[in-house]
């Protein structure tokens, strides 16, 4: 009896080990397959986001070689680095928000108690800036021409503005 009990326990233990091994090996294969599918989906999503980002940056000074060549011509004695120009021009335009009547380049007079200030700026190329402005109640956008002068100052000129309805 003791001998057959040990035999049954041995067989039972062997079966449990076989089932446990099969379970964990299939679980490992399932997890590898699942991670491969997730990785493929994430790679596809990343490619999609990169394509959208490339499309969104099409109109930007950072990606426009023709506009960059305007500041770095081959025969120029003095060139401007685009990486330093973008923050410099943006800062100069946003500094004008301190004006008591609001930023003069939004192209809108003060409507209510608050002044119009520029919130966000995007430099499109070597000549144009698009800016988002608001006074907290009204919102709009402005297309601004900018010029980098020989004395390394920046001058602005409002080209077109749009004020959205409330």
Protein backbone atom coordinates (compact mmCIF):
# COMPACT_ATOMS: atom_id res chain seq x y z
CA UNK A 1 0.00 0.00 0.00
CA UNK A 2 2.79 2.34 0.93
CA UNK A 3 4.53 1.49 -2.32
CA UNK A 4 1.50 2.23 -4.50
CA UNK A 5 0.83 5.45 -2.57
CA UNK A 6 4.35 6.63 -3.34
CA UNK A 7 3.86 5.66 -6.97
CA UNK A 8 0.59 7.62 -7.18
CA UNK A 9 2.22 10.64 -5.50
CA UNK A 10 5.16 10.43 -7.90
CA UNK A 11 2.85 10.29 -10.94
CA UNK A 12 0.73 13.13 -9.55
CA UNK A 13 3.83 15.23 -8.94
CA UNK A 14 5.12 14.46 -12.41
CA UNK A 15 1.78 15.47 -13.99
CA UNK A 16 1.68 18.70 -11.98
CA UNK A 17 5.21 19.53 -13.11
CA UNK A 18 4.36 18.83 -16.75
CA UNK A 19 1.19 20.94 -16.61
CA UNK A 20 3.02 23.76 -14.80
CA UNK A 21 5.83 23.69 -17.36
CA UNK A 22 3.36 23.77 -20.26
CA UNK A 23 1.35 26.58 -18.66
CA UNK A 24 4.37 28.81 -18.08
CA UNK A 25 5.93 28.11 -21.47
CA UNK A 26 2.66 28.99 -23.25
CA UNK A 27 2.25 32.04 -21.03
CA UNK A 28 5.75 33.17 -21.99
CA UNK A 29 4.98 32.70 -25.69
CA UNK A 30 1.69 34.58 -25.24
CA UNK A 31 3.44 37.47 -23.49
CA UNK A 32 6.13 37.64 -26.21
CA UNK A 33 3.46 37.70 -28.89
CA UNK A 34 1.49 40.34 -27.01
CA UNK A 35 4.58 42.55 -26.53
CA UNK A 36 5.49 42.16 -30.21
CA UNK A 37 2.00 43.28 -31.25
CA UNK A 38 2.12 46.21 -28.81
CA UNK A 39 5.58 47.19 -30.06
CA UNK A 40 4.40 47.07 -33.69
CA UNK A 41 1.36 49.20 -32.84
CA UNK A 42 3.49 51.74 -30.96
CA UNK A 43 5.97 51.91 -33.84
CA UNK A 44 3.11 52.54 -36.26
CA UNK A 45 1.70 55.26 -33.95
CA UNK A 46 5.15 56.84 -33.63
CA UNK A 47 5.54 56.90 -37.40
CA UNK A 48 2.12 58.53 -37.72
CA UNK A 49 3.00 61.18 -35.13
CA UNK A 50 6.33 61.86 -36.86
CA UNK A 51 4.56 62.36 -40.18
CA UNK A 52 2.07 64.76 -38.57
CA UNK A 53 4.91 66.64 -36.86
CA UNK A 54 6.78 66.94 -40.15
CA UNK A 55 3.63 68.28 -41.80
CA UNK A 56 3.06 70.73 -38.94
CA UNK A 57 6.65 71.99 -39.13
CA UNK A 58 6.51 72.52 -42.88
CA UNK A 59 5.86 76.22 -42.33
CA UNK A 60 8.60 76.97 -39.84
CA UNK A 61 11.94 78.67 -40.05
CA UNK A 62 13.65 75.65 -38.48
CA UNK A 63 12.75 73.40 -41.43
CA UNK A 64 12.73 75.91 -44.31
CA UNK A 65 16.18 75.84 -45.93
CA UNK A 66 15.36 78.63 -48.38
CA UNK A 67 14.45 80.97 -45.51
CA UNK A 68 17.57 79.93 -43.59
CA UNK A 69 19.70 80.71 -46.63
CA UNK A 70 18.35 84.26 -46.49
CA UNK A 71 20.18 84.72 -43.18
CA UNK A 72 23.22 82.66 -44.20
CA UNK A 73 24.03 83.51 -47.83
CA UNK A 74 27.29 82.25 -49.27
CA UNK A 75 28.62 85.71 -50.12
CA UNK A 76 27.65 87.49 -46.87
CA UNK A 77 30.20 88.98 -44.53
CA UNK A 78 27.92 88.58 -41.53
CA UNK A 79 25.53 85.66 -41.01
CA UNK A 80 22.84 85.09 -38.42
CA UNK A 81 22.38 81.73 -36.72
CA UNK A 82 18.77 80.65 -37.00
CA UNK A 83 18.91 78.79 -33.65
CA UNK A 84 19.67 82.10 -31.90
CA UNK A 85 17.44 84.24 -34.12
CA UNK A 86 14.14 82.49 -33.34
CA UNK A 87 14.25 83.03 -29.54
CA UNK A 88 15.66 86.54 -30.05
CA UNK A 89 12.82 87.66 -32.36
CA UNK A 90 10.20 85.94 -30.19
CA UNK A 91 11.52 87.64 -27.07
CA UNK A 92 11.56 91.07 -28.73
CA UNK A 93 7.96 90.68 -29.85
CA UNK A 94 6.75 89.41 -26.47
CA UNK A 95 8.61 92.23 -24.66
CA UNK A 96 6.20 94.64 -26.33
CA UNK A 97 3.38 93.12 -24.21
CA UNK A 98 4.56 95.39 -21.37
CA UNK A 99 3.19 98.42 -23.21
CA UNK A 100 0.35 99.95 -21.10
CA UNK A 101 -2.00 99.97 -24.12
CA UNK A 102 -1.11 96.39 -25.08
CA UNK A 103 1.12 95.01 -27.77
CA UNK A 104 1.03 97.45 -30.71
CA UNK A 105 1.46 94.70 -33.29
CA UNK A 106 -1.80 92.85 -32.61
CA UNK A 107 -3.53 95.39 -34.84
CA UNK A 108 -6.46 95.85 -32.45
CA UNK A 109 -7.27 98.70 -30.12
CA UNK A 110 -8.15 97.96 -26.54
CA UNK A 111 -11.85 96.97 -26.37
CA UNK A 112 -12.53 96.37 -22.69
CA UNK A 113 -10.65 96.90 -19.48
CA UNK A 114 -7.83 94.53 -20.44
CA UNK A 115 -5.15 95.14 -23.04
CA UNK A 116 -4.39 92.81 -25.96
CA UNK A 117 -1.18 90.85 -25.50
CA UNK A 118 0.51 88.22 -27.64
CA UNK A 119 0.36 84.75 -26.11
CA UNK A 120 2.05 82.52 -28.65
CA UNK A 121 4.39 83.19 -31.56
CA UNK A 122 5.44 81.02 -34.50
CA UNK A 123 8.11 82.22 -36.92
CA UNK A 124 7.06 80.94 -40.32
CA UNK A 125 10.03 81.97 -42.46
CA UNK A 126 12.58 84.76 -42.91
CA UNK A 127 9.85 87.41 -43.16
CA UNK A 128 6.58 86.38 -41.44
CA UNK A 129 5.40 85.61 -37.94
CA UNK A 130 1.99 84.32 -36.93
CA UNK A 131 0.93 85.31 -33.43
CA UNK A 132 -1.99 84.44 -31.18
CA UNK A 133 -3.26 87.29 -28.99
CA UNK A 134 -6.02 87.91 -26.48
CA UNK A 135 -7.24 90.20 -23.75
CA UNK A 136 -8.78 87.40 -21.72
CA UNK A 137 -12.19 87.90 -23.31
CA UNK A 138 -11.48 88.29 -27.04
CA UNK A 139 -9.05 86.18 -29.04
CA UNK A 140 -7.37 86.71 -32.37
CA UNK A 141 -4.42 86.08 -34.61
CA UNK A 142 -2.02 88.41 -36.37
CA UNK A 143 0.30 87.98 -39.31
CA UNK A 144 3.34 90.14 -38.69
CA UNK A 145 6.26 91.00 -40.97
CA UNK A 146 9.61 91.23 -39.27
CA UNK A 147 12.94 92.58 -40.42
CA UNK A 148 16.37 92.02 -38.90
CA UNK A 149 18.25 95.28 -39.32
CA UNK A 150 21.99 95.66 -39.89
CA UNK A 151 22.49 96.81 -36.30
CA UNK A 152 20.96 93.49 -35.10
CA UNK A 153 17.68 95.04 -34.02
CA UNK A 154 14.33 93.73 -35.11
CA UNK A 155 11.52 95.82 -36.54
CA UNK A 156 7.96 94.60 -36.88
CA UNK A 157 5.04 95.54 -39.10
CA UNK A 158 1.50 94.23 -38.73
CA UNK A 159 0.40 92.70 -42.02
CA UNK A 160 -3.06 91.29 -41.21
CA UNK A 161 -5.11 90.62 -38.08
CA UNK A 162 -8.18 88.59 -37.28
CA UNK A 163 -10.35 88.98 -34.19
CA UNK A 164 -12.68 86.08 -33.43
CA UNK A 165 -16.26 86.62 -32.35
CA UNK A 166 -17.01 86.27 -28.67
